């Protein structure tokens, strides 16, 4: 597997690797950098995978503002259902729409919004 793209995003690296024709998006903790990290999704093109990597970091930044942390392939916050990262990426939400979604979830579950 060849690393095609890597960005630092808080305590982890978001990495796109290519093996044959597949491009894999994964997230890897910098605390335990051995291995290939947690595989999240596979894309047909490098461009799609890089876009997803950038979108993941942006989404993670916003989710943290709302009190979520990343656990495996999910954004998690006490008192609200976890959000599957890949499902969220497929929705292609812009920053404003993601903030609205997280705010609605907080209100729906009676959680004070922090973002």
C-alpha atoms as a PDB file:
ATOM      1  CA  UNK A   1       0.000   0.000   0.000  1.00  0.00           C
ATOM      2  CA  UNK A   2       1.244   3.441  -0.932  1.00  0.00           C
ATOM      3  CA  UNK A   3       0.352   6.537   1.084  1.00  0.00           C
ATOM      4  CA  UNK A   4      -1.117   9.047  -1.357  1.00  0.00           C
ATOM      5  CA  UNK A   5      -2.313  11.711   1.092  1.00  0.00           C
ATOM      6  CA  UNK A   6      -1.956  12.408   4.792  1.00  0.00           C
ATOM      7  CA  UNK A   7      -3.273  15.251   6.929  1.00  0.00           C
ATOM      8  CA  UNK A   8      -2.893  15.871  10.624  1.00  0.00           C
ATOM      9  CA  UNK A   9      -6.202  16.361  12.377  1.00  0.00           C
ATOM     10  CA  UNK A  10      -5.948  16.832  16.138  1.00  0.00           C
ATOM     11  CA  UNK A  11      -4.495  13.692  17.750  1.00  0.00           C
ATOM     12  CA  UNK A  12      -4.653  11.596  14.602  1.00  0.00           C
ATOM     13  CA  UNK A  13      -3.617  11.398  10.971  1.00  0.00           C
ATOM     14  CA  UNK A  14      -6.162  10.949   8.217  1.00  0.00           C
ATOM     15  CA  UNK A  15      -4.563   8.872   5.495  1.00  0.00           C
ATOM     16  CA  UNK A  16      -5.408   7.847   1.947  1.00  0.00           C
ATOM     17  CA  UNK A  17      -3.605   4.730   0.776  1.00  0.00           C
ATOM     18  CA  UNK A  18      -3.660   3.109  -2.631  1.00  0.00           C
ATOM     19  CA  UNK A  19      -3.492  -0.596  -3.245  1.00  0.00           C
ATOM     20  CA  UNK A  20      -4.041  -1.645  -6.833  1.00  0.00           C
ATOM     21  CA  UNK A  21      -7.015   0.438  -8.026  1.00  0.00           C
ATOM     22  CA  UNK A  22      -8.580   0.975  -4.564  1.00  0.00           C
ATOM     23  CA  UNK A  23      -8.048   4.066  -2.427  1.00  0.00           C
ATOM     24  CA  UNK A  24      -8.622   3.500   1.273  1.00  0.00           C
ATOM     25  CA  UNK A  25      -9.469   6.240   3.775  1.00  0.00           C
ATOM     26  CA  UNK A  26      -8.268   5.503   7.274  1.00  0.00           C
ATOM     27  CA  UNK A  27      -7.640   7.301  10.518  1.00  0.00           C
ATOM     28  CA  UNK A  28      -4.629   6.578  12.666  1.00  0.00           C
ATOM     29  CA  UNK A  29      -3.808   7.724  16.173  1.00  0.00           C
ATOM     30  CA  UNK A  30      -0.443   9.391  16.579  1.00  0.00           C
ATOM     31  CA  UNK A  31      -0.242   7.836  20.053  1.00  0.00           C
ATOM     32  CA  UNK A  32      -0.109   4.360  18.488  1.00  0.00           C
ATOM     33  CA  UNK A  33       1.294   4.963  15.007  1.00  0.00           C
ATOM     34  CA  UNK A  34       2.060   1.337  14.160  1.00  0.00           C
ATOM     35  CA  UNK A  35      -0.153  -0.396  11.639  1.00  0.00           C
ATOM     36  CA  UNK A  36      -2.522   1.069   9.098  1.00  0.00           C
ATOM     37  CA  UNK A  37      -5.045   2.602  11.470  1.00  0.00           C
ATOM     38  CA  UNK A  38      -8.794   2.235  11.366  1.00  0.00           C
ATOM     39  CA  UNK A  39     -10.060   1.736   7.800  1.00  0.00           C
ATOM     40  CA  UNK A  40     -13.175   3.814   7.255  1.00  0.00           C
ATOM     41  CA  UNK A  41     -14.032   3.624   3.560  1.00  0.00           C
ATOM     42  CA  UNK A  42     -12.784   2.710   0.116  1.00  0.00           C
ATOM     43  CA  UNK A  43     -13.025   4.911  -2.971  1.00  0.00           C
ATOM     44  CA  UNK A  44     -12.549   4.262  -6.674  1.00  0.00           C
ATOM     45  CA  UNK A  45     -10.355   7.316  -7.241  1.00  0.00           C
ATOM     46  CA  UNK A  46      -7.644   9.156  -5.388  1.00  0.00           C
ATOM     47  CA  UNK A  47      -9.545  12.421  -5.888  1.00  0.00           C
ATOM     48  CA  UNK A  48     -12.658  11.054  -4.128  1.00  0.00           C
ATOM     49  CA  UNK A  49     -10.603   9.677  -1.253  1.00  0.00           C
ATOM     50  CA  UNK A  50      -8.660  12.930  -0.772  1.00  0.00           C
ATOM     51  CA  UNK A  51     -11.925  14.896  -0.806  1.00  0.00           C
ATOM     52  CA  UNK A  52     -13.320  12.542   1.852  1.00  0.00           C
ATOM     53  CA  UNK A  53     -10.163  12.954   3.956  1.00  0.00           C
ATOM     54  CA  UNK A  54     -10.437  16.740   3.878  1.00  0.00           C
ATOM     55  CA  UNK A  55     -14.158  16.536   4.608  1.00  0.00           C
ATOM     56  CA  UNK A  56     -13.478  14.200   7.539  1.00  0.00           C
ATOM     57  CA  UNK A  57     -11.048  16.621   9.145  1.00  0.00           C
ATOM     58  CA  UNK A  58     -13.489  19.520   8.683  1.00  0.00           C
ATOM     59  CA  UNK A  59     -16.336  17.432  10.121  1.00  0.00           C
ATOM     60  CA  UNK A  60     -14.194  16.318  13.059  1.00  0.00           C
ATOM     61  CA  UNK A  61     -13.275  19.925  13.805  1.00  0.00           C
ATOM     62  CA  UNK A  62     -16.939  20.927  13.904  1.00  0.00           C
ATOM     63  CA  UNK A  63     -17.995  17.833  15.857  1.00  0.00           C
ATOM     64  CA  UNK A  64     -15.401  18.633  18.532  1.00  0.00           C
ATOM     65  CA  UNK A  65     -16.913  22.107  18.880  1.00  0.00           C
ATOM     66  CA  UNK A  66     -20.174  20.354  19.730  1.00  0.00           C
ATOM     67  CA  UNK A  67     -18.600  18.093  22.357  1.00  0.00           C
ATOM     68  CA  UNK A  68     -18.090  14.963  20.246  1.00  0.00           C
ATOM     69  CA  UNK A  69     -14.970  12.834  20.132  1.00  0.00           C
ATOM     70  CA  UNK A  70     -13.909  10.267  17.576  1.00  0.00           C
ATOM     71  CA  UNK A  71     -14.126   6.639  18.601  1.00  0.00           C
ATOM     72  CA  UNK A  72     -13.373   4.107  15.904  1.00  0.00           C
ATOM     73  CA  UNK A  73     -15.499   5.166  12.965  1.00  0.00           C
ATOM     74  CA  UNK A  74     -18.033   7.206  14.942  1.00  0.00           C
ATOM     75  CA  UNK A  75     -18.434  10.646  16.427  1.00  0.00           C
ATOM     76  CA  UNK A  76     -19.536  10.068  20.021  1.00  0.00           C
ATOM     77  CA  UNK A  77     -21.038  12.365  22.657  1.00  0.00           C
ATOM     78  CA  UNK A  78     -22.704  11.424  25.924  1.00  0.00           C
ATOM     79  CA  UNK A  79     -26.474  11.675  25.811  1.00  0.00           C
ATOM     80  CA  UNK A  80     -26.935  11.530  22.034  1.00  0.00           C
ATOM     81  CA  UNK A  81     -26.701   8.698  19.509  1.00  0.00           C
ATOM     82  CA  UNK A  82     -23.299   8.275  17.912  1.00  0.00           C
ATOM     83  CA  UNK A  83     -22.837   9.380  14.295  1.00  0.00           C
ATOM     84  CA  UNK A  84     -21.247   7.017  11.799  1.00  0.00           C
ATOM     85  CA  UNK A  85     -18.413   8.878  10.067  1.00  0.00           C
ATOM     86  CA  UNK A  86     -18.797   7.229   6.657  1.00  0.00           C
ATOM     87  CA  UNK A  87     -22.549   7.856   6.604  1.00  0.00           C
ATOM     88  CA  UNK A  88     -21.912  11.482   7.488  1.00  0.00           C
ATOM     89  CA  UNK A  89     -19.288  11.847   4.753  1.00  0.00           C
ATOM     90  CA  UNK A  90     -21.697  10.438   2.163  1.00  0.00           C
ATOM     91  CA  UNK A  91     -24.153  13.231   3.008  1.00  0.00           C
ATOM     92  CA  UNK A  92     -21.584  15.824   1.823  1.00  0.00           C
ATOM     93  CA  UNK A  93     -22.803  18.421   4.337  1.00  0.00           C
ATOM     94  CA  UNK A  94     -21.169  21.829   4.314  1.00  0.00           C
ATOM     95  CA  UNK A  95     -20.051  23.362   7.616  1.00  0.00           C
ATOM     96  CA  UNK A  96     -23.312  25.220   8.191  1.00  0.00           C
ATOM     97  CA  UNK A  97     -25.466  22.149   7.543  1.00  0.00           C
ATOM     98  CA  UNK A  98     -23.332  19.980   9.836  1.00  0.00           C
ATOM     99  CA  UNK A  99     -23.575  22.545  12.643  1.00  0.00           C
ATOM    100  CA  UNK A 100     -27.351  22.644  12.180  1.00  0.00           C
ATOM    101  CA  UNK A 101     -27.544  18.844  12.303  1.00  0.00           C
ATOM    102  CA  UNK A 102     -25.472  18.626  15.488  1.00  0.00           C
ATOM    103  CA  UNK A 103     -27.460  21.441  17.093  1.00  0.00           C
ATOM    104  CA  UNK A 104     -30.764  19.688  16.264  1.00  0.00           C
ATOM    105  CA  UNK A 105     -29.445  16.454  17.787  1.00  0.00           C
ATOM    106  CA  UNK A 106     -28.454  18.284  20.968  1.00  0.00           C
ATOM    107  CA  UNK A 107     -31.859  19.953  21.252  1.00  0.00           C
ATOM    108  CA  UNK A 108     -33.718  16.725  20.470  1.00  0.00           C
ATOM    109  CA  UNK A 109     -31.902  14.927  23.284  1.00  0.00           C
ATOM    110  CA  UNK A 110     -32.021  17.812  25.766  1.00  0.00           C
ATOM    111  CA  UNK A 111     -28.263  18.360  25.720  1.00  0.00           C
ATOM    112  CA  UNK A 112     -26.774  21.805  26.096  1.00  0.00           C
ATOM    113  CA  UNK A 113     -25.149  22.714  22.805  1.00  0.00           C
ATOM    114  CA  UNK A 114     -21.497  23.679  23.111  1.00  0.00           C
ATOM    115  CA  UNK A 115     -20.714  24.691  19.518  1.00  0.00           C
END
